[in-house]
Amino acid sequence: YNAWAYSLLGLLYKTIGEIEKSNEVYDRGISTFKKLAEENPDDTFPYFEIATLYENKGDIKNAIKYYRKVIELNPFDYLATQRIKKLEGKRW
């Protein structure tokens, strides 16, 4: 499983103006990682990937929600903490 593949394909579609296809790719990736999170609820990996895909899709609220889940499971996760700080700065 790799969010980068979904992210890059989504970005490619977005770049050529295919927003609907871009969102479909992001949603497919999000769905895939949500299933993985259900199977491994104590693993931060799928939650971080979900957050990344939401962030790339432009859904800041859900991105922050899933980065916070990462921090809930691992309070020392530096990357998730930095992503939240960046995204919260974008919201205002």
C-alpha atoms as a PDB file:
ATOM      1  CA  TYR A   1       0.000   0.000   0.000  1.00  0.00           C
ATOM      2  CA  ASN A   2       1.381   3.380  -0.914  1.00  0.00           C
ATOM      3  CA  ALA A   3      -0.427   6.694  -0.767  1.00  0.00           C
ATOM      4  CA  TRP A   4       2.196   8.170  -3.065  1.00  0.00           C
ATOM      5  CA  ALA A   5       0.836   6.194  -6.002  1.00  0.00           C
ATOM      6  CA  TYR A   6      -2.677   7.488  -5.357  1.00  0.00           C
ATOM      7  CA  SER A   7      -1.341  10.990  -4.669  1.00  0.00           C
ATOM      8  CA  LEU A   8       0.726  11.135  -7.843  1.00  0.00           C
ATOM      9  CA  LEU A   9      -2.060   9.800 -10.029  1.00  0.00           C
ATOM     10  CA  GLY A  10      -4.522  12.211  -8.414  1.00  0.00           C
ATOM     11  CA  LEU A  11      -2.103  15.085  -8.960  1.00  0.00           C
ATOM     12  CA  LEU A  12      -1.610  14.062 -12.581  1.00  0.00           C
ATOM     13  CA  TYR A  13      -5.350  14.150 -13.223  1.00  0.00           C
ATOM     14  CA  LYS A  14      -5.647  17.471 -11.373  1.00  0.00           C
ATOM     15  CA  THR A  15      -2.802  18.955 -13.429  1.00  0.00           C
ATOM     16  CA  ILE A  16      -4.509  18.120 -16.714  1.00  0.00           C
ATOM     17  CA  GLY A  17      -7.823  19.481 -15.453  1.00  0.00           C
ATOM     18  CA  GLU A  18      -9.502  16.155 -14.743  1.00  0.00           C
ATOM     19  CA  ILE A  19     -10.707  17.120 -11.258  1.00  0.00           C
ATOM     20  CA  GLU A  20     -13.432  14.483 -11.088  1.00  0.00           C
ATOM     21  CA  LYS A  21     -10.972  11.693 -11.940  1.00  0.00           C
ATOM     22  CA  SER A  22      -8.476  13.186  -9.503  1.00  0.00           C
ATOM     23  CA  ASN A  23     -11.022  13.054  -6.679  1.00  0.00           C
ATOM     24  CA  GLU A  24     -11.991   9.496  -7.630  1.00  0.00           C
ATOM     25  CA  VAL A  25      -8.358   8.395  -7.302  1.00  0.00           C
ATOM     26  CA  TYR A  26      -7.952  10.129  -3.946  1.00  0.00           C
ATOM     27  CA  ASP A  27     -11.224   8.602  -2.724  1.00  0.00           C
ATOM     28  CA  ARG A  28     -10.125   5.128  -3.843  1.00  0.00           C
ATOM     29  CA  GLY A  29      -6.891   5.531  -1.908  1.00  0.00           C
ATOM     30  CA  ILE A  30      -8.706   6.813   1.166  1.00  0.00           C
ATOM     31  CA  SER A  31     -11.080   3.851   1.032  1.00  0.00           C
ATOM     32  CA  THR A  32      -8.176   1.404   0.697  1.00  0.00           C
ATOM     33  CA  PHE A  33      -6.358   2.836   3.708  1.00  0.00           C
ATOM     34  CA  LYS A  34      -9.526   3.019   5.815  1.00  0.00           C
ATOM     35  CA  LYS A  35      -9.922  -0.734   5.318  1.00  0.00           C
ATOM     36  CA  LEU A  36      -6.297  -1.210   6.347  1.00  0.00           C
ATOM     37  CA  ALA A  37      -6.889   0.972   9.421  1.00  0.00           C
ATOM     38  CA  GLU A  38      -9.866  -1.203  10.402  1.00  0.00           C
ATOM     39  CA  GLU A  39      -7.644  -4.278  10.175  1.00  0.00           C
ATOM     40  CA  ASN A  40      -4.802  -2.600  12.117  1.00  0.00           C
ATOM     41  CA  PRO A  41      -6.393   0.013  14.407  1.00  0.00           C
ATOM     42  CA  ASP A  42      -3.248   0.539  16.489  1.00  0.00           C
ATOM     43  CA  ASP A  43      -0.965   1.150  13.502  1.00  0.00           C
ATOM     44  CA  THR A  44      -0.322   4.806  12.625  1.00  0.00           C
ATOM     45  CA  PHE A  45       0.642   4.056   9.014  1.00  0.00           C
ATOM     46  CA  PRO A  46      -2.840   3.847   7.446  1.00  0.00           C
ATOM     47  CA  TYR A  47      -4.046   6.936   9.332  1.00  0.00           C
ATOM     48  CA  PHE A  48      -1.063   8.956   8.132  1.00  0.00           C
ATOM     49  CA  GLU A  49      -1.710   7.838   4.554  1.00  0.00           C
ATOM     50  CA  ILE A  50      -5.416   8.758   4.829  1.00  0.00           C
ATOM     51  CA  ALA A  51      -4.447  12.183   6.153  1.00  0.00           C
ATOM     52  CA  THR A  52      -1.972  12.677   3.308  1.00  0.00           C
ATOM     53  CA  LEU A  53      -4.574  11.794   0.696  1.00  0.00           C
ATOM     54  CA  TYR A  54      -7.138  14.140   2.244  1.00  0.00           C
ATOM     55  CA  GLU A  55      -4.498  16.867   2.321  1.00  0.00           C
ATOM     56  CA  ASN A  56      -3.669  16.339  -1.348  1.00  0.00           C
ATOM     57  CA  LYS A  57      -7.378  16.364  -2.169  1.00  0.00           C
ATOM     58  CA  GLY A  58      -7.683  19.723  -0.413  1.00  0.00           C
ATOM     59  CA  ASP A  59      -9.884  18.446   2.430  1.00  0.00           C
ATOM     60  CA  ILE A  60      -8.017  20.152   5.264  1.00  0.00           C
ATOM     61  CA  LYS A  61     -10.566  19.326   7.962  1.00  0.00           C
ATOM     62  CA  ASN A  62     -10.328  15.570   7.410  1.00  0.00           C
ATOM     63  CA  ALA A  63      -6.568  15.700   6.897  1.00  0.00           C
ATOM     64  CA  ILE A  64      -6.158  17.273  10.329  1.00  0.00           C
ATOM     65  CA  LYS A  65      -8.591  14.751  11.836  1.00  0.00           C
ATOM     66  CA  TYR A  66      -6.484  11.821  10.640  1.00  0.00           C
ATOM     67  CA  TYR A  67      -3.146  13.441  11.528  1.00  0.00           C
ATOM     68  CA  ARG A  68      -4.575  13.889  15.030  1.00  0.00           C
ATOM     69  CA  LYS A  69      -5.412  10.170  15.093  1.00  0.00           C
ATOM     70  CA  VAL A  70      -1.754   9.446  14.307  1.00  0.00           C
ATOM     71  CA  ILE A  71      -0.688  11.635  17.237  1.00  0.00           C
ATOM     72  CA  GLU A  72      -3.277   9.990  19.488  1.00  0.00           C
ATOM     73  CA  LEU A  73      -1.609   6.639  18.754  1.00  0.00           C
ATOM     74  CA  ASN A  74       1.938   8.033  18.813  1.00  0.00           C
ATOM     75  CA  PRO A  75       2.319  11.379  20.604  1.00  0.00           C
ATOM     76  CA  PHE A  76       5.924  11.604  19.385  1.00  0.00           C
ATOM     77  CA  ASP A  77       5.115  11.521  15.660  1.00  0.00           C
ATOM     78  CA  TYR A  78       6.998  14.587  14.454  1.00  0.00           C
ATOM     79  CA  LEU A  79       5.736  14.532  10.855  1.00  0.00           C
ATOM     80  CA  ALA A  80       2.057  14.411  11.813  1.00  0.00           C
ATOM     81  CA  THR A  81       2.602  17.253  14.279  1.00  0.00           C
ATOM     82  CA  GLN A  82       4.308  19.370  11.619  1.00  0.00           C
ATOM     83  CA  ARG A  83       1.582  18.633   9.048  1.00  0.00           C
ATOM     84  CA  ILE A  84      -1.105  19.788  11.500  1.00  0.00           C
ATOM     85  CA  LYS A  85       0.780  23.003  12.227  1.00  0.00           C
ATOM     86  CA  LYS A  86       1.109  23.702   8.515  1.00  0.00           C
ATOM     87  CA  LEU A  87      -2.514  22.908   7.746  1.00  0.00           C
ATOM     88  CA  GLU A  88      -3.879  24.888  10.672  1.00  0.00           C
ATOM     89  CA  GLY A  89      -1.920  27.841   9.353  1.00  0.00           C
ATOM     90  CA  LYS A  90      -3.622  27.400   5.967  1.00  0.00           C
ATOM     91  CA  ARG A  91      -7.098  27.435   7.487  1.00  0.00           C
ATOM     92  CA  TRP A  92      -6.922  31.049   8.622  1.00  0.00           C
END
